[in-house]
Amino acid sequence: MPSSNNSATPLSESTLFIMLSLSGKPLHGYAIMKDVLDISRGRVNLTAGTLYGALKRLLNQGWIERIPANEEGTANPGLPRKAYRLSSKGREILNAETERLQAVAEVLRLHKVDGV
């Protein structure tokens, strides 16, 4: 795991799933909420306040970026939705967290605890 990203991990569960959601393609807020609920198998159900607070923080950290509506590739009459995508820095952080979680999972597999 790159040492420059050690201080960024571990990620909170909601941050991890938001970043996972944005790792594929750009999404707007409501699509992120639906995708996070789906990929977390119902475990993480984001409220609008939680989501937009997290998006603001991730934007400020440079882990995600907002893209212009015309780059999103969707026709949307009326007010354009704000779409987000994972930045290259965000992808590095997500990769570091993935490696960290895989290492933890391996330790858990090797050291099974009775009753767990």
C-alpha atoms as a PDB file:
ATOM      1  CA  MET A   1       0.000   0.000   0.000  1.00  0.00           C
ATOM      2  CA  PRO A   2       1.473   3.404  -0.901  1.00  0.00           C
ATOM      3  CA  SER A   3       2.618   5.201   2.236  1.00  0.00           C
ATOM      4  CA  SER A   4       1.247   8.541   1.026  1.00  0.00           C
ATOM      5  CA  ASN A   5      -2.276   7.129   1.343  1.00  0.00           C
ATOM      6  CA  ASN A   6      -1.905   5.473   4.753  1.00  0.00           C
ATOM      7  CA  SER A   7      -3.245   8.542   6.550  1.00  0.00           C
ATOM      8  CA  ALA A   8      -6.345   8.534   4.311  1.00  0.00           C
ATOM      9  CA  THR A   9      -7.387   5.032   5.319  1.00  0.00           C
ATOM     10  CA  PRO A  10      -9.369   3.452   6.821  1.00  0.00           C
ATOM     11  CA  LEU A  11     -12.353   4.992   5.084  1.00  0.00           C
ATOM     12  CA  SER A  12     -15.743   5.214   6.737  1.00  0.00           C
ATOM     13  CA  GLU A  13     -18.237   2.738   5.352  1.00  0.00           C
ATOM     14  CA  SER A  14     -20.328   5.435   3.664  1.00  0.00           C
ATOM     15  CA  THR A  15     -17.246   7.063   2.093  1.00  0.00           C
ATOM     16  CA  LEU A  16     -16.025   3.690   0.833  1.00  0.00           C
ATOM     17  CA  PHE A  17     -19.345   2.903  -0.836  1.00  0.00           C
ATOM     18  CA  ILE A  18     -19.685   6.392  -2.340  1.00  0.00           C
ATOM     19  CA  MET A  19     -16.214   6.068  -3.846  1.00  0.00           C
ATOM     20  CA  LEU A  20     -16.976   2.544  -5.080  1.00  0.00           C
ATOM     21  CA  SER A  21     -20.139   3.874  -6.684  1.00  0.00           C
ATOM     22  CA  LEU A  22     -18.183   6.574  -8.514  1.00  0.00           C
ATOM     23  CA  SER A  23     -15.380   4.250  -9.609  1.00  0.00           C
ATOM     24  CA  GLY A  24     -17.302   3.038 -12.655  1.00  0.00           C
ATOM     25  CA  LYS A  25     -18.907   6.053 -14.267  1.00  0.00           C
ATOM     26  CA  PRO A  26     -20.035   9.559 -13.342  1.00  0.00           C
ATOM     27  CA  LEU A  27     -23.270   9.709 -11.357  1.00  0.00           C
ATOM     28  CA  HIS A  28     -25.548  12.379  -9.930  1.00  0.00           C
ATOM     29  CA  GLY A  29     -26.572  12.416  -6.274  1.00  0.00           C
ATOM     30  CA  TYR A  30     -29.775  10.386  -6.430  1.00  0.00           C
ATOM     31  CA  ALA A  31     -28.074   7.739  -8.602  1.00  0.00           C
ATOM     32  CA  ILE A  32     -25.232   7.526  -6.065  1.00  0.00           C
ATOM     33  CA  MET A  33     -27.734   6.955  -3.228  1.00  0.00           C
ATOM     34  CA  LYS A  34     -29.473   4.168  -5.175  1.00  0.00           C
ATOM     35  CA  ASP A  35     -26.186   2.578  -6.261  1.00  0.00           C
ATOM     36  CA  VAL A  36     -24.720   2.640  -2.737  1.00  0.00           C
ATOM     37  CA  LEU A  37     -27.855   0.954  -1.385  1.00  0.00           C
ATOM     38  CA  ASP A  38     -27.561  -1.695  -4.118  1.00  0.00           C
ATOM     39  CA  ILE A  39     -23.824  -2.442  -3.915  1.00  0.00           C
ATOM     40  CA  SER A  40     -23.890  -2.466  -0.092  1.00  0.00           C
ATOM     41  CA  ARG A  41     -26.784  -4.953  -0.241  1.00  0.00           C
ATOM     42  CA  GLY A  42     -28.957  -2.588   1.775  1.00  0.00           C
ATOM     43  CA  ARG A  43     -26.350  -2.063   4.484  1.00  0.00           C
ATOM     44  CA  VAL A  44     -25.714   1.627   3.684  1.00  0.00           C
ATOM     45  CA  ASN A  45     -28.808   3.754   3.114  1.00  0.00           C
ATOM     46  CA  LEU A  46     -27.603   7.337   2.660  1.00  0.00           C
ATOM     47  CA  THR A  47     -29.798  10.309   3.450  1.00  0.00           C
ATOM     48  CA  ALA A  48     -29.510  13.362   1.208  1.00  0.00           C
ATOM     49  CA  GLY A  49     -27.798  15.299   4.014  1.00  0.00           C
ATOM     50  CA  THR A  50     -25.214  12.574   4.601  1.00  0.00           C
ATOM     51  CA  LEU A  51     -24.543  12.147   0.894  1.00  0.00           C
ATOM     52  CA  TYR A  52     -24.139  15.819   0.042  1.00  0.00           C
ATOM     53  CA  GLY A  53     -22.010  16.444   3.139  1.00  0.00           C
ATOM     54  CA  ALA A  54     -19.743  13.583   2.080  1.00  0.00           C
ATOM     55  CA  LEU A  55     -19.623  14.789  -1.536  1.00  0.00           C
ATOM     56  CA  LYS A  56     -18.601  18.272  -0.376  1.00  0.00           C
ATOM     57  CA  ARG A  57     -15.825  16.811   1.796  1.00  0.00           C
ATOM     58  CA  LEU A  58     -14.624  14.503  -1.000  1.00  0.00           C
ATOM     59  CA  LEU A  59     -14.585  17.451  -3.442  1.00  0.00           C
ATOM     60  CA  ASN A  60     -12.563  19.543  -0.980  1.00  0.00           C
ATOM     61  CA  GLN A  61     -10.088  16.667  -0.516  1.00  0.00           C
ATOM     62  CA  GLY A  62      -9.733  16.281  -4.280  1.00  0.00           C
ATOM     63  CA  TRP A  63     -10.911  12.660  -4.178  1.00  0.00           C
ATOM     64  CA  ILE A  64     -13.832  13.298  -6.523  1.00  0.00           C
ATOM     65  CA  GLU A  65     -14.595  15.951  -9.112  1.00  0.00           C
ATOM     66  CA  ARG A  66     -17.768  17.481 -10.418  1.00  0.00           C
ATOM     67  CA  ILE A  67     -18.232  17.300 -14.140  1.00  0.00           C
ATOM     68  CA  PRO A  68     -20.196  19.576 -16.440  1.00  0.00           C
ATOM     69  CA  ALA A  69     -23.677  18.334 -17.311  1.00  0.00           C
ATOM     70  CA  ASN A  70     -22.810  18.124 -21.022  1.00  0.00           C
ATOM     71  CA  GLU A  71     -19.909  15.759 -20.208  1.00  0.00           C
ATOM     72  CA  GLU A  72     -22.253  13.413 -18.363  1.00  0.00           C
ATOM     73  CA  GLY A  73     -23.740  12.229 -21.639  1.00  0.00           C
ATOM     74  CA  THR A  74     -27.371  12.462 -20.634  1.00  0.00           C
ATOM     75  CA  ALA A  75     -30.038  14.732 -22.054  1.00  0.00           C
ATOM     76  CA  ASN A  76     -31.679  16.475 -19.126  1.00  0.00           C
ATOM     77  CA  PRO A  77     -34.103  19.282 -19.875  1.00  0.00           C
ATOM     78  CA  GLY A  78     -34.487  21.894 -17.165  1.00  0.00           C
ATOM     79  CA  LEU A  79     -31.901  22.290 -14.443  1.00  0.00           C
ATOM     80  CA  PRO A  80     -28.769  20.229 -15.038  1.00  0.00           C
ATOM     81  CA  ARG A  81     -27.904  17.666 -12.402  1.00  0.00           C
ATOM     82  CA  LYS A  82     -24.519  17.811 -10.772  1.00  0.00           C
ATOM     83  CA  ALA A  83     -22.592  14.686 -11.728  1.00  0.00           C
ATOM     84  CA  TYR A  84     -19.493  13.433  -9.941  1.00  0.00           C
ATOM     85  CA  ARG A  85     -16.649  11.076 -10.778  1.00  0.00           C
ATOM     86  CA  LEU A  86     -13.694   9.666  -8.919  1.00  0.00           C
ATOM     87  CA  SER A  87     -10.498  11.679  -9.443  1.00  0.00           C
ATOM     88  CA  SER A  88      -7.112  10.036  -9.969  1.00  0.00           C
ATOM     89  CA  LYS A  89      -6.236  10.855  -6.339  1.00  0.00           C
ATOM     90  CA  GLY A  90      -9.527   9.296  -5.246  1.00  0.00           C
ATOM     91  CA  ARG A  91      -8.787   6.186  -7.279  1.00  0.00           C
ATOM     92  CA  GLU A  92      -5.399   5.877  -5.501  1.00  0.00           C
ATOM     93  CA  ILE A  93      -7.116   6.192  -2.110  1.00  0.00           C
ATOM     94  CA  LEU A  94      -9.752   3.619  -3.076  1.00  0.00           C
ATOM     95  CA  ASN A  95      -7.072   1.209  -4.314  1.00  0.00           C
ATOM     96  CA  ALA A  96      -5.116   1.647  -1.059  1.00  0.00           C
ATOM     97  CA  GLU A  97      -8.247   0.954   0.983  1.00  0.00           C
ATOM     98  CA  THR A  98      -9.055  -2.087  -1.156  1.00  0.00           C
ATOM     99  CA  GLU A  99      -5.577  -3.495  -0.510  1.00  0.00           C
ATOM    100  CA  ARG A 100      -5.912  -2.784   3.230  1.00  0.00           C
ATOM    101  CA  LEU A 101      -9.291  -4.523   3.436  1.00  0.00           C
ATOM    102  CA  GLN A 102      -8.029  -7.507   1.450  1.00  0.00           C
ATOM    103  CA  ALA A 103      -5.121  -7.866   3.882  1.00  0.00           C
ATOM    104  CA  VAL A 104      -7.522  -7.716   6.847  1.00  0.00           C
ATOM    105  CA  ALA A 105      -9.803 -10.293   5.211  1.00  0.00           C
ATOM    106  CA  GLU A 106      -6.818 -12.609   4.678  1.00  0.00           C
ATOM    107  CA  VAL A 107      -5.850 -12.366   8.350  1.00  0.00           C
ATOM    108  CA  LEU A 108      -9.430 -13.158   9.325  1.00  0.00           C
ATOM    109  CA  ARG A 109      -9.450 -16.200   7.028  1.00  0.00           C
ATOM    110  CA  LEU A 110      -6.216 -17.454   8.586  1.00  0.00           C
ATOM    111  CA  HIS A 111      -7.322 -16.868  12.173  1.00  0.00           C
ATOM    112  CA  LYS A 112     -10.877 -18.109  12.301  1.00  0.00           C
ATOM    113  CA  VAL A 113     -12.482 -17.523  15.651  1.00  0.00           C
ATOM    114  CA  ASP A 114     -14.911 -20.104  17.041  1.00  0.00           C
ATOM    115  CA  GLY A 115     -18.486 -18.939  16.730  1.00  0.00           C
ATOM    116  CA  VAL A 116     -17.753 -16.223  14.179  1.00  0.00           C
END
